[in-house]
Amino acid sequence: MTQVGAIPYVATRWDFYDRWGAVKVRWSLGRFKYRVTPGIYAVGNPGRDSLVFVTGNYKLSFDHLRRALKGIDGWILVIETKGINVWCAAGKGTFGTKEVVRRIRIHHLDQLVDHRKIILPQLSAPGVAAHDVKKMTGFTVIYGPVLAEDIRAFLNAGLKATDDMRKITFPFVERLKLIPVDLFYGKYYLLIVPIVFLILSGFNRSGYSLDLVFDNAGKTTVNLFSGYLAGCVLTPAILPWIPFRRFSAKGLVTGWLVAILLLFAGTLGLTLIENISWFLMIGGLSSFMAMNFTGSSTFTSLSGVQKEMKTALPLQIVMAALGIIGWIISRFL
């Protein structure tokens, strides 16, 4: 019991359910429900002089922070970010100055600790104006390291972050960890769209043929899945080596590279119109899926994403539409 009431204690060690939950959200299972209740939590045996660490209420972010605080007595202030991770929430405004100030006030942080310091994750900086927080609450914002695992070294250095602690890297392994989320982004479309294409593939100049449906089943499915995987798997995997800065352009490159391979493999089509149609559809699909990855990467900013979507999305729609029209026409040639 504290002066602000009862505060729950949390363990710094993950149990089976924490690990299983982390696996599920990596595969986009229950992603938007993986939250903790905003409020104050205690780690170890904190007192009035213990530091306050701030994070969002996306449970995976919360879990990484509490695990990094093993052996440290401290308070965790969880703010409402609608179940979004720190970085994305800062970009969208949910991890912002107003929410930080609101939580400091409603949880009476000034009565819980004697000092006037709060430690925020480095990646929350785009959304939080430290001088406004200081002005409205009296608490000084100190930005911690990018990675929670560097918190101990940060504390040992007297709340000073080295250049390496401030640096954001996006290596191959980290990119692979994010692929499952985007892979399952359109899981329902992966079931519906191929079925629609299979049904349409039966039409021809003579009417409708089930034999054509079965003949085209394998090729159509391979082509559609290849375009999808080119955008959400191949593009992030080889991201630094693909030319162009825009993700939509990167996805278009990988989509057309895959289409060329499919052309030589003989799965695209039998006529020029059909081949061109598949190039348009695979390219547009891959470009769209790759563009979704911008929210998971360090390569773009919020304004850059918004600008790209305004120009890329109409082009992707046109490519897909022309591809579908051309493919349908090819059924009757």
C-alpha atoms as a PDB file:
ATOM      1  CA  MET A   1       0.000   0.000   0.000  1.00  0.00           C
ATOM      2  CA  THR A   2       1.272   3.442  -0.964  1.00  0.00           C
ATOM      3  CA  GLN A   3       0.049   7.004  -0.483  1.00  0.00           C
ATOM      4  CA  VAL A   4      -1.764   6.732  -3.813  1.00  0.00           C
ATOM      5  CA  GLY A   5      -3.376   3.408  -2.950  1.00  0.00           C
ATOM      6  CA  ALA A   6      -2.651  -0.235  -3.699  1.00  0.00           C
ATOM      7  CA  ILE A   7      -0.245  -0.792  -6.582  1.00  0.00           C
ATOM      8  CA  PRO A   8       0.114  -4.212  -8.222  1.00  0.00           C
ATOM      9  CA  TYR A   9       3.533  -5.855  -8.357  1.00  0.00           C
ATOM     10  CA  VAL A  10       4.698  -7.497 -11.575  1.00  0.00           C
ATOM     11  CA  ALA A  11       7.337 -10.153 -12.071  1.00  0.00           C
ATOM     12  CA  THR A  12      10.400  -9.508 -14.212  1.00  0.00           C
ATOM     13  CA  ARG A  13      10.455 -13.079 -15.451  1.00  0.00           C
ATOM     14  CA  TRP A  14       8.209 -14.239 -18.269  1.00  0.00           C
ATOM     15  CA  ASP A  15       6.030 -17.271 -17.631  1.00  0.00           C
ATOM     16  CA  PHE A  16       4.612 -19.693 -20.188  1.00  0.00           C
ATOM     17  CA  TYR A  17       1.593 -17.486 -20.943  1.00  0.00           C
ATOM     18  CA  ASP A  18       3.799 -14.453 -21.573  1.00  0.00           C
ATOM     19  CA  ARG A  19       5.945 -16.402 -24.035  1.00  0.00           C
ATOM     20  CA  TRP A  20       2.950 -17.980 -25.725  1.00  0.00           C
ATOM     21  CA  GLY A  21       1.277 -14.580 -25.984  1.00  0.00           C
ATOM     22  CA  ALA A  22       4.397 -13.125 -27.596  1.00  0.00           C
ATOM     23  CA  VAL A  23       4.423 -15.929 -30.160  1.00  0.00           C
ATOM     24  CA  LYS A  24       0.752 -15.403 -31.002  1.00  0.00           C
ATOM     25  CA  VAL A  25       0.980 -11.644 -31.543  1.00  0.00           C
ATOM     26  CA  ARG A  26       4.028 -12.181 -33.764  1.00  0.00           C
ATOM     27  CA  TRP A  27       1.645 -14.124 -35.990  1.00  0.00           C
ATOM     28  CA  SER A  28      -1.060 -11.459 -35.672  1.00  0.00           C
ATOM     29  CA  LEU A  29      -3.268 -13.642 -33.470  1.00  0.00           C
ATOM     30  CA  GLY A  30      -5.164 -11.499 -30.973  1.00  0.00           C
ATOM     31  CA  ARG A  31      -2.814  -8.627 -31.796  1.00  0.00           C
ATOM     32  CA  PHE A  32      -5.265  -5.799 -31.026  1.00  0.00           C
ATOM     33  CA  LYS A  33      -6.403  -7.335 -27.741  1.00  0.00           C
ATOM     34  CA  TYR A  34      -2.921  -7.882 -26.324  1.00  0.00           C
ATOM     35  CA  ARG A  35      -3.019  -5.110 -23.742  1.00  0.00           C
ATOM     36  CA  VAL A  36      -2.406  -4.297 -20.099  1.00  0.00           C
ATOM     37  CA  THR A  37      -4.501  -1.913 -18.049  1.00  0.00           C
ATOM     38  CA  PRO A  38      -3.004   1.601 -17.913  1.00  0.00           C
ATOM     39  CA  GLY A  39      -1.783   2.587 -14.458  1.00  0.00           C
ATOM     40  CA  ILE A  40       1.118   2.271 -12.014  1.00  0.00           C
ATOM     41  CA  TYR A  41       2.944  -1.034 -11.500  1.00  0.00           C
ATOM     42  CA  ALA A  42       5.750  -1.922  -9.095  1.00  0.00           C
ATOM     43  CA  VAL A  43       8.878  -3.909  -9.906  1.00  0.00           C
ATOM     44  CA  GLY A  44      11.060  -5.231  -7.098  1.00  0.00           C
ATOM     45  CA  ASN A  45      10.663  -3.211  -3.907  1.00  0.00           C
ATOM     46  CA  PRO A  46      10.378   0.428  -5.024  1.00  0.00           C
ATOM     47  CA  GLY A  47      10.192   3.418  -2.730  1.00  0.00           C
ATOM     48  CA  ARG A  48       9.795   7.159  -2.951  1.00  0.00           C
ATOM     49  CA  ASP A  49      13.238   7.576  -4.501  1.00  0.00           C
ATOM     50  CA  SER A  50      12.787   4.859  -7.121  1.00  0.00           C
ATOM     51  CA  LEU A  51      12.769   5.763 -10.800  1.00  0.00           C
ATOM     52  CA  VAL A  52       9.621   5.825 -12.930  1.00  0.00           C
ATOM     53  CA  PHE A  53       9.687   4.132 -16.340  1.00  0.00           C
ATOM     54  CA  VAL A  54       6.950   4.971 -18.830  1.00  0.00           C
ATOM     55  CA  THR A  55       5.617   2.676 -21.545  1.00  0.00           C
ATOM     56  CA  GLY A  56       2.491   2.026 -23.590  1.00  0.00           C
ATOM     57  CA  ASN A  57      -0.191  -0.548 -22.823  1.00  0.00           C
ATOM     58  CA  TYR A  58       0.723  -2.927 -25.653  1.00  0.00           C
ATOM     59  CA  LYS A  59       1.559  -5.962 -23.532  1.00  0.00           C
ATOM     60  CA  LEU A  60       4.628  -7.012 -25.511  1.00  0.00           C
ATOM     61  CA  SER A  61       6.186  -3.557 -24.926  1.00  0.00           C
ATOM     62  CA  PHE A  62       5.267  -3.774 -21.243  1.00  0.00           C
ATOM     63  CA  ASP A  63       6.704  -7.292 -20.962  1.00  0.00           C
ATOM     64  CA  HIS A  64      10.028  -6.330 -22.539  1.00  0.00           C
ATOM     65  CA  LEU A  65      10.354  -3.412 -20.132  1.00  0.00           C
ATOM     66  CA  ARG A  66       9.588  -5.372 -16.964  1.00  0.00           C
ATOM     67  CA  ARG A  67      11.957  -8.149 -18.004  1.00  0.00           C
ATOM     68  CA  ALA A  68      14.720  -5.573 -18.529  1.00  0.00           C
ATOM     69  CA  LEU A  69      14.142  -4.285 -14.977  1.00  0.00           C
ATOM     70  CA  LYS A  70      15.203  -7.543 -13.340  1.00  0.00           C
ATOM     71  CA  GLY A  71      17.008  -6.751 -10.080  1.00  0.00           C
ATOM     72  CA  ILE A  72      15.925  -3.098 -10.211  1.00  0.00           C
ATOM     73  CA  ASP A  73      13.447  -1.446  -7.841  1.00  0.00           C
ATOM     74  CA  GLY A  74      11.244   0.842  -9.870  1.00  0.00           C
ATOM     75  CA  TRP A  75       7.801   2.012 -10.905  1.00  0.00           C
ATOM     76  CA  ILE A  76       6.250   1.457 -14.323  1.00  0.00           C
ATOM     77  CA  LEU A  77       3.750   4.020 -15.546  1.00  0.00           C
ATOM     78  CA  VAL A  78       1.640   2.494 -18.309  1.00  0.00           C
ATOM     79  CA  ILE A  79      -0.218   5.013 -20.455  1.00  0.00           C
ATOM     80  CA  GLU A  80      -3.139   4.370 -22.798  1.00  0.00           C
ATOM     81  CA  THR A  81      -1.871   3.777 -26.339  1.00  0.00           C
ATOM     82  CA  LYS A  82      -4.852   1.651 -27.451  1.00  0.00           C
ATOM     83  CA  GLY A  83      -2.724  -1.488 -27.531  1.00  0.00           C
ATOM     84  CA  ILE A  84      -0.198   0.011 -29.965  1.00  0.00           C
ATOM     85  CA  ASN A  85       3.564  -0.302 -29.477  1.00  0.00           C
ATOM     86  CA  VAL A  86       5.580   2.731 -28.383  1.00  0.00           C
ATOM     87  CA  TRP A  87       7.046   3.652 -31.750  1.00  0.00           C
ATOM     88  CA  CYS A  88       3.832   3.428 -33.767  1.00  0.00           C
ATOM     89  CA  ALA A  89       1.827   5.061 -30.965  1.00  0.00           C
ATOM     90  CA  ALA A  90       4.232   8.025 -30.899  1.00  0.00           C
ATOM     91  CA  GLY A  91       3.849   8.417 -34.657  1.00  0.00           C
ATOM     92  CA  LYS A  92       0.057   8.216 -34.481  1.00  0.00           C
ATOM     93  CA  GLY A  93      -0.204  10.563 -31.499  1.00  0.00           C
ATOM     94  CA  THR A  94      -1.548   8.082 -28.931  1.00  0.00           C
ATOM     95  CA  PHE A  95       1.788   8.078 -27.078  1.00  0.00           C
ATOM     96  CA  GLY A  96       1.793  11.847 -26.825  1.00  0.00           C
ATOM     97  CA  THR A  97       2.297  14.754 -24.485  1.00  0.00           C
ATOM     98  CA  LYS A  98      -1.345  15.010 -23.417  1.00  0.00           C
ATOM     99  CA  GLU A  99      -1.606  11.349 -22.467  1.00  0.00           C
ATOM    100  CA  VAL A 100       1.669  11.381 -20.517  1.00  0.00           C
ATOM    101  CA  VAL A 101       0.557  14.491 -18.622  1.00  0.00           C
ATOM    102  CA  ARG A 102      -2.901  13.026 -18.004  1.00  0.00           C
ATOM    103  CA  ARG A 103      -1.498   9.812 -16.562  1.00  0.00           C
ATOM    104  CA  ILE A 104       0.955  11.651 -14.308  1.00  0.00           C
ATOM    105  CA  ARG A 105      -1.949  13.604 -12.892  1.00  0.00           C
ATOM    106  CA  ILE A 106      -4.644  10.938 -12.531  1.00  0.00           C
ATOM    107  CA  HIS A 107      -2.216   8.493 -10.913  1.00  0.00           C
ATOM    108  CA  HIS A 108      -0.843  11.196  -8.586  1.00  0.00           C
ATOM    109  CA  LEU A 109       2.757  10.513  -9.459  1.00  0.00           C
ATOM    110  CA  ASP A 110       3.871  13.568  -7.484  1.00  0.00           C
ATOM    111  CA  GLN A 111       2.601  11.866  -4.319  1.00  0.00           C
ATOM    112  CA  LEU A 112       4.244   8.537  -5.128  1.00  0.00           C
ATOM    113  CA  VAL A 113       7.839   9.727  -5.559  1.00  0.00           C
ATOM    114  CA  ASP A 114       9.880  12.575  -4.119  1.00  0.00           C
ATOM    115  CA  HIS A 115      11.902  13.246  -7.258  1.00  0.00           C
ATOM    116  CA  ARG A 116      10.513  14.784 -10.430  1.00  0.00           C
ATOM    117  CA  LYS A 117      11.903  12.581 -13.179  1.00  0.00           C
ATOM    118  CA  ILE A 118      10.328  10.106 -15.574  1.00  0.00           C
ATOM    119  CA  ILE A 119      12.156   7.902 -18.051  1.00  0.00           C
ATOM    120  CA  LEU A 120      10.529   7.519 -21.449  1.00  0.00           C
ATOM    121  CA  PRO A 121      11.618   5.172 -24.236  1.00  0.00           C
ATOM    122  CA  GLN A 122      13.700   6.858 -26.912  1.00  0.00           C
ATOM    123  CA  LEU A 123      11.201   5.832 -29.593  1.00  0.00           C
ATOM    124  CA  SER A 124       8.452   7.868 -27.919  1.00  0.00           C
ATOM    125  CA  ALA A 125      10.294  11.138 -28.586  1.00  0.00           C
ATOM    126  CA  PRO A 126       8.395  12.009 -31.822  1.00  0.00           C
ATOM    127  CA  GLY A 127       5.135  12.150 -29.881  1.00  0.00           C
ATOM    128  CA  VAL A 128       6.174  13.798 -26.621  1.00  0.00           C
ATOM    129  CA  ALA A 129       7.196  17.420 -26.078  1.00  0.00           C
ATOM    130  CA  ALA A 130       9.408  17.161 -22.989  1.00  0.00           C
ATOM    131  CA  HIS A 131       9.270  20.892 -22.219  1.00  0.00           C
ATOM    132  CA  ASP A 132       5.459  20.830 -22.165  1.00  0.00           C
ATOM    133  CA  VAL A 133       5.430  17.861 -19.798  1.00  0.00           C
ATOM    134  CA  LYS A 134       7.819  19.757 -17.501  1.00  0.00           C
ATOM    135  CA  LYS A 135       5.707  22.899 -17.687  1.00  0.00           C
ATOM    136  CA  MET A 136       2.406  21.166 -16.933  1.00  0.00           C
ATOM    137  CA  THR A 137       3.500  18.610 -14.334  1.00  0.00           C
ATOM    138  CA  GLY A 138       6.901  19.603 -12.996  1.00  0.00           C
ATOM    139  CA  PHE A 139       8.360  16.266 -14.117  1.00  0.00           C
ATOM    140  CA  THR A 140      11.501  16.231 -16.238  1.00  0.00           C
ATOM    141  CA  VAL A 141      11.459  13.824 -19.156  1.00  0.00           C
ATOM    142  CA  ILE A 142      14.597  11.726 -19.599  1.00  0.00           C
ATOM    143  CA  TYR A 143      14.739   9.649 -22.753  1.00  0.00           C
ATOM    144  CA  GLY A 144      16.140   6.187 -22.211  1.00  0.00           C
ATOM    145  CA  PRO A 145      17.761   3.879 -24.768  1.00  0.00           C
ATOM    146  CA  VAL A 146      16.104   2.515 -27.895  1.00  0.00           C
ATOM    147  CA  LEU A 147      16.261  -1.068 -26.607  1.00  0.00           C
ATOM    148  CA  ALA A 148      14.883  -2.094 -23.212  1.00  0.00           C
ATOM    149  CA  GLU A 149      17.817  -4.479 -22.790  1.00  0.00           C
ATOM    150  CA  ASP A 150      20.142  -1.452 -22.520  1.00  0.00           C
ATOM    151  CA  ILE A 151      18.312   0.046 -19.527  1.00  0.00           C
ATOM    152  CA  ARG A 152      20.704  -1.399 -16.934  1.00  0.00           C
ATOM    153  CA  ALA A 153      23.726   0.052 -18.722  1.00  0.00           C
ATOM    154  CA  PHE A 154      21.825   3.329 -19.066  1.00  0.00           C
ATOM    155  CA  LEU A 155      21.205   3.451 -15.327  1.00  0.00           C
ATOM    156  CA  ASN A 156      24.785   2.505 -14.487  1.00  0.00           C
ATOM    157  CA  ALA A 157      25.977   5.376 -16.671  1.00  0.00           C
ATOM    158  CA  GLY A 158      23.995   7.865 -14.591  1.00  0.00           C
ATOM    159  CA  LEU A 159      20.967   8.056 -16.904  1.00  0.00           C
ATOM    160  CA  LYS A 160      23.201   8.764 -19.872  1.00  0.00           C
ATOM    161  CA  ALA A 161      22.690   7.013 -23.191  1.00  0.00           C
ATOM    162  CA  THR A 162      25.647   6.292 -25.447  1.00  0.00           C
ATOM    163  CA  ASP A 163      25.500   6.841 -29.181  1.00  0.00           C
ATOM    164  CA  ASP A 164      24.960   3.113 -29.678  1.00  0.00           C
ATOM    165  CA  MET A 165      21.984   3.192 -27.289  1.00  0.00           C
ATOM    166  CA  ARG A 166      20.412   5.937 -29.408  1.00  0.00           C
ATOM    167  CA  LYS A 167      21.037   4.176 -32.695  1.00  0.00           C
ATOM    168  CA  ILE A 168      18.171   2.344 -34.394  1.00  0.00           C
ATOM    169  CA  THR A 169      19.206  -0.714 -36.354  1.00  0.00           C
ATOM    170  CA  PHE A 170      17.033  -2.967 -38.474  1.00  0.00           C
ATOM    171  CA  PRO A 171      19.063  -6.121 -39.180  1.00  0.00           C
ATOM    172  CA  PHE A 172      17.947  -9.187 -41.097  1.00  0.00           C
ATOM    173  CA  VAL A 173      16.791 -11.137 -38.018  1.00  0.00           C
ATOM    174  CA  GLU A 174      14.677  -8.225 -36.761  1.00  0.00           C
ATOM    175  CA  ARG A 175      13.037  -7.867 -40.163  1.00  0.00           C
ATOM    176  CA  LEU A 176      12.224 -11.574 -40.197  1.00  0.00           C
ATOM    177  CA  LYS A 177      10.476 -11.267 -36.825  1.00  0.00           C
ATOM    178  CA  LEU A 178       8.033  -8.764 -38.297  1.00  0.00           C
ATOM    179  CA  ILE A 179       7.189 -10.743 -41.436  1.00  0.00           C
ATOM    180  CA  PRO A 180       4.510 -12.997 -39.840  1.00  0.00           C
ATOM    181  CA  VAL A 181       2.363  -9.992 -38.878  1.00  0.00           C
ATOM    182  CA  ASP A 182       2.287  -8.709 -42.454  1.00  0.00           C
ATOM    183  CA  LEU A 183       2.008 -12.246 -43.805  1.00  0.00           C
ATOM    184  CA  PHE A 184      -1.277 -12.736 -41.963  1.00  0.00           C
ATOM    185  CA  TYR A 185      -2.467  -9.189 -42.717  1.00  0.00           C
ATOM    186  CA  GLY A 186      -4.627 -10.381 -45.611  1.00  0.00           C
ATOM    187  CA  LYS A 187      -5.276 -13.941 -44.481  1.00  0.00           C
ATOM    188  CA  TYR A 188      -8.984 -13.758 -45.343  1.00  0.00           C
ATOM    189  CA  TYR A 189      -8.279 -12.409 -48.820  1.00  0.00           C
ATOM    190  CA  LEU A 190      -5.827 -15.269 -49.320  1.00  0.00           C
ATOM    191  CA  LEU A 191      -8.786 -17.622 -49.088  1.00  0.00           C
ATOM    192  CA  ILE A 192     -11.409 -15.636 -51.012  1.00  0.00           C
ATOM    193  CA  VAL A 193      -9.455 -14.146 -53.935  1.00  0.00           C
ATOM    194  CA  PRO A 194      -7.972 -17.434 -55.276  1.00  0.00           C
ATOM    195  CA  ILE A 195     -11.440 -19.011 -55.174  1.00  0.00           C
ATOM    196  CA  VAL A 196     -12.885 -16.119 -57.194  1.00  0.00           C
ATOM    197  CA  PHE A 197     -10.080 -16.427 -59.751  1.00  0.00           C
ATOM    198  CA  LEU A 198     -10.606 -20.183 -60.010  1.00  0.00           C
ATOM    199  CA  ILE A 199     -14.308 -19.681 -60.702  1.00  0.00           C
ATOM    200  CA  LEU A 200     -13.607 -17.060 -63.368  1.00  0.00           C
ATOM    201  CA  SER A 201     -10.923 -19.200 -64.999  1.00  0.00           C
ATOM    202  CA  GLY A 202     -13.605 -21.593 -66.222  1.00  0.00           C
ATOM    203  CA  PHE A 203     -15.053 -19.049 -68.662  1.00  0.00           C
ATOM    204  CA  ASN A 204     -14.009 -19.260 -72.325  1.00  0.00           C
ATOM    205  CA  ARG A 205     -15.341 -18.665 -75.833  1.00  0.00           C
ATOM    206  CA  SER A 206     -17.345 -21.875 -75.685  1.00  0.00           C
ATOM    207  CA  GLY A 207     -19.057 -21.064 -72.397  1.00  0.00           C
ATOM    208  CA  TYR A 208     -17.932 -22.536 -69.100  1.00  0.00           C
ATOM    209  CA  SER A 209     -15.640 -25.502 -68.488  1.00  0.00           C
ATOM    210  CA  LEU A 210     -14.832 -27.202 -65.192  1.00  0.00           C
ATOM    211  CA  ASP A 211     -11.864 -28.800 -66.880  1.00  0.00           C
ATOM    212  CA  LEU A 212     -10.367 -25.336 -67.358  1.00  0.00           C
ATOM    213  CA  VAL A 213     -10.939 -24.588 -63.684  1.00  0.00           C
ATOM    214  CA  PHE A 214      -8.951 -27.660 -62.665  1.00  0.00           C
ATOM    215  CA  ASP A 215      -6.303 -27.035 -65.322  1.00  0.00           C
ATOM    216  CA  ASN A 216      -5.735 -23.464 -64.088  1.00  0.00           C
ATOM    217  CA  ALA A 217      -6.098 -24.137 -60.359  1.00  0.00           C
ATOM    218  CA  GLY A 218      -2.420 -24.738 -59.667  1.00  0.00           C
ATOM    219  CA  LYS A 219      -1.039 -21.928 -61.826  1.00  0.00           C
ATOM    220  CA  THR A 220      -3.540 -19.309 -60.656  1.00  0.00           C
ATOM    221  CA  THR A 221      -2.952 -20.117 -56.988  1.00  0.00           C
ATOM    222  CA  VAL A 222       0.837 -20.059 -57.413  1.00  0.00           C
ATOM    223  CA  ASN A 223       0.738 -16.706 -59.207  1.00  0.00           C
ATOM    224  CA  LEU A 224      -1.455 -15.024 -56.600  1.00  0.00           C
ATOM    225  CA  PHE A 225       0.468 -16.389 -53.624  1.00  0.00           C
ATOM    226  CA  SER A 226       3.765 -15.477 -55.272  1.00  0.00           C
ATOM    227  CA  GLY A 227       2.710 -11.846 -55.618  1.00  0.00           C
ATOM    228  CA  TYR A 228       1.557 -11.792 -52.008  1.00  0.00           C
ATOM    229  CA  LEU A 229       4.741 -13.388 -50.660  1.00  0.00           C
ATOM    230  CA  ALA A 230       6.957 -11.183 -52.828  1.00  0.00           C
ATOM    231  CA  GLY A 231       5.576  -8.129 -51.045  1.00  0.00           C
ATOM    232  CA  CYS A 232       5.356  -9.289 -47.441  1.00  0.00           C
ATOM    233  CA  VAL A 233       8.209 -11.807 -47.238  1.00  0.00           C
ATOM    234  CA  LEU A 234      10.801 -11.273 -49.964  1.00  0.00           C
ATOM    235  CA  THR A 235      10.771  -7.467 -49.834  1.00  0.00           C
ATOM    236  CA  PRO A 236      11.490  -7.106 -46.089  1.00  0.00           C
ATOM    237  CA  ALA A 237      13.999  -9.966 -46.210  1.00  0.00           C
ATOM    238  CA  ILE A 238      16.204  -8.265 -48.823  1.00  0.00           C
ATOM    239  CA  LEU A 239      15.061  -4.703 -48.038  1.00  0.00           C
ATOM    240  CA  PRO A 240      18.448  -2.889 -47.928  1.00  0.00           C
ATOM    241  CA  TRP A 241      19.527  -4.288 -51.277  1.00  0.00           C
ATOM    242  CA  ILE A 242      16.444  -3.325 -53.284  1.00  0.00           C
ATOM    243  CA  PRO A 243      16.788  -0.031 -55.185  1.00  0.00           C
ATOM    244  CA  PHE A 244      14.469   2.926 -54.532  1.00  0.00           C
ATOM    245  CA  ARG A 245      13.520   4.452 -51.201  1.00  0.00           C
ATOM    246  CA  ARG A 246       9.770   4.015 -51.384  1.00  0.00           C
ATOM    247  CA  PHE A 247       8.452   0.680 -50.194  1.00  0.00           C
ATOM    248  CA  SER A 248       5.838   0.605 -52.935  1.00  0.00           C
ATOM    249  CA  ALA A 249       8.628   0.805 -55.521  1.00  0.00           C
ATOM    250  CA  LYS A 250      10.669  -1.841 -53.701  1.00  0.00           C
ATOM    251  CA  GLY A 251       7.644  -4.143 -53.687  1.00  0.00           C
ATOM    252  CA  LEU A 252       7.076  -3.538 -57.373  1.00  0.00           C
ATOM    253  CA  VAL A 253      10.675  -4.555 -58.114  1.00  0.00           C
ATOM    254  CA  THR A 254      10.436  -7.812 -56.148  1.00  0.00           C
ATOM    255  CA  GLY A 255       7.001  -8.536 -57.600  1.00  0.00           C
ATOM    256  CA  TRP A 256       8.244  -8.221 -61.160  1.00  0.00           C
ATOM    257  CA  LEU A 257      11.369 -10.256 -60.388  1.00  0.00           C
ATOM    258  CA  VAL A 258       9.118 -13.036 -59.125  1.00  0.00           C
ATOM    259  CA  ALA A 259       6.860 -12.636 -62.176  1.00  0.00           C
ATOM    260  CA  ILE A 260       9.869 -13.078 -64.466  1.00  0.00           C
ATOM    261  CA  LEU A 261      10.750 -16.307 -62.665  1.00  0.00           C
ATOM    262  CA  LEU A 262       7.161 -17.502 -63.011  1.00  0.00           C
ATOM    263  CA  LEU A 263       7.216 -16.611 -66.694  1.00  0.00           C
ATOM    264  CA  PHE A 264      10.222 -18.869 -67.270  1.00  0.00           C
ATOM    265  CA  ALA A 265       8.597 -21.530 -65.091  1.00  0.00           C
ATOM    266  CA  GLY A 266       5.562 -21.445 -67.388  1.00  0.00           C
ATOM    267  CA  THR A 267       2.922 -20.568 -64.762  1.00  0.00           C
ATOM    268  CA  LEU A 268       1.866 -17.116 -65.968  1.00  0.00           C
ATOM    269  CA  GLY A 269      -0.071 -17.730 -69.133  1.00  0.00           C
ATOM    270  CA  LEU A 270      -0.193 -18.850 -72.737  1.00  0.00           C
ATOM    271  CA  THR A 271      -0.744 -15.495 -74.448  1.00  0.00           C
ATOM    272  CA  LEU A 272       0.955 -12.099 -74.359  1.00  0.00           C
ATOM    273  CA  ILE A 273      -2.131 -10.412 -72.898  1.00  0.00           C
ATOM    274  CA  GLU A 274      -2.371 -12.987 -70.121  1.00  0.00           C
ATOM    275  CA  ASN A 275       1.336 -12.626 -69.277  1.00  0.00           C
ATOM    276  CA  ILE A 276       1.101  -8.826 -69.189  1.00  0.00           C
ATOM    277  CA  SER A 277      -2.007  -9.081 -67.032  1.00  0.00           C
ATOM    278  CA  TRP A 278      -0.216 -11.248 -64.474  1.00  0.00           C
ATOM    279  CA  PHE A 279       2.754  -8.858 -64.428  1.00  0.00           C
ATOM    280  CA  LEU A 280       0.354  -6.029 -63.589  1.00  0.00           C
ATOM    281  CA  MET A 281      -1.482  -8.002 -60.905  1.00  0.00           C
ATOM    282  CA  ILE A 282       1.610  -9.497 -59.263  1.00  0.00           C
ATOM    283  CA  GLY A 283       3.415  -6.160 -59.357  1.00  0.00           C
ATOM    284  CA  GLY A 284       0.466  -4.252 -57.907  1.00  0.00           C
ATOM    285  CA  LEU A 285      -0.155  -6.842 -55.200  1.00  0.00           C
ATOM    286  CA  SER A 286       3.506  -7.047 -54.192  1.00  0.00           C
ATOM    287  CA  SER A 287       3.784  -3.251 -54.171  1.00  0.00           C
ATOM    288  CA  PHE A 288       0.749  -2.913 -51.898  1.00  0.00           C
ATOM    289  CA  MET A 289       1.910  -5.576 -49.436  1.00  0.00           C
ATOM    290  CA  ALA A 290       5.404  -4.089 -49.289  1.00  0.00           C
ATOM    291  CA  MET A 291       3.957  -0.654 -48.554  1.00  0.00           C
ATOM    292  CA  ASN A 292       2.216  -2.086 -45.481  1.00  0.00           C
ATOM    293  CA  PHE A 293       5.641  -2.867 -44.058  1.00  0.00           C
ATOM    294  CA  THR A 294       6.466   0.844 -43.717  1.00  0.00           C
ATOM    295  CA  GLY A 295       4.796   0.887 -40.300  1.00  0.00           C
ATOM    296  CA  SER A 296       7.198  -1.768 -39.067  1.00  0.00           C
ATOM    297  CA  SER A 297      10.447  -0.311 -40.327  1.00  0.00           C
ATOM    298  CA  THR A 298      12.966   2.388 -39.481  1.00  0.00           C
ATOM    299  CA  PHE A 299      13.209   3.458 -43.116  1.00  0.00           C
ATOM    300  CA  THR A 300      10.285   5.889 -43.228  1.00  0.00           C
ATOM    301  CA  SER A 301       8.504   8.570 -41.224  1.00  0.00           C
ATOM    302  CA  LEU A 302       4.775   9.093 -40.675  1.00  0.00           C
ATOM    303  CA  SER A 303       4.670  12.005 -43.113  1.00  0.00           C
ATOM    304  CA  GLY A 304       6.645   9.964 -45.648  1.00  0.00           C
ATOM    305  CA  VAL A 305       4.195   7.081 -45.383  1.00  0.00           C
ATOM    306  CA  GLN A 306       1.201   9.373 -45.854  1.00  0.00           C
ATOM    307  CA  LYS A 307       2.791  11.023 -48.874  1.00  0.00           C
ATOM    308  CA  GLU A 308       3.674   7.686 -50.432  1.00  0.00           C
ATOM    309  CA  MET A 309       0.186   6.264 -49.976  1.00  0.00           C
ATOM    310  CA  LYS A 310      -1.408   9.207 -51.784  1.00  0.00           C
ATOM    311  CA  THR A 311       0.567   8.495 -54.929  1.00  0.00           C
ATOM    312  CA  ALA A 312       1.198   4.736 -54.742  1.00  0.00           C
ATOM    313  CA  LEU A 313      -2.253   3.452 -53.773  1.00  0.00           C
ATOM    314  CA  PRO A 314      -4.077   4.799 -56.876  1.00  0.00           C
ATOM    315  CA  LEU A 315      -1.360   3.321 -59.108  1.00  0.00           C
ATOM    316  CA  GLN A 316      -1.612  -0.054 -57.362  1.00  0.00           C
ATOM    317  CA  ILE A 317      -5.388  -0.065 -57.839  1.00  0.00           C
ATOM    318  CA  VAL A 318      -5.045   0.816 -61.523  1.00  0.00           C
ATOM    319  CA  MET A 319      -2.440  -1.918 -62.056  1.00  0.00           C
ATOM    320  CA  ALA A 320      -4.601  -4.528 -60.353  1.00  0.00           C
ATOM    321  CA  ALA A 321      -7.739  -3.435 -62.215  1.00  0.00           C
ATOM    322  CA  LEU A 322      -6.051  -3.451 -65.615  1.00  0.00           C
ATOM    323  CA  GLY A 323      -4.485  -6.802 -64.816  1.00  0.00           C
ATOM    324  CA  ILE A 324      -7.817  -8.368 -63.865  1.00  0.00           C
ATOM    325  CA  ILE A 325      -9.556  -6.930 -66.941  1.00  0.00           C
ATOM    326  CA  GLY A 326      -6.779  -8.144 -69.232  1.00  0.00           C
ATOM    327  CA  TRP A 327      -6.798 -11.578 -67.620  1.00  0.00           C
ATOM    328  CA  ILE A 328     -10.584 -11.903 -68.059  1.00  0.00           C
ATOM    329  CA  ILE A 329     -10.304 -10.834 -71.706  1.00  0.00           C
ATOM    330  CA  SER A 330      -7.569 -13.428 -72.254  1.00  0.00           C
ATOM    331  CA  ARG A 331     -10.043 -16.153 -71.250  1.00  0.00           C
ATOM    332  CA  PHE A 332     -11.978 -15.490 -74.462  1.00  0.00           C
ATOM    333  CA  LEU A 333      -9.082 -15.222 -76.903  1.00  0.00           C
END
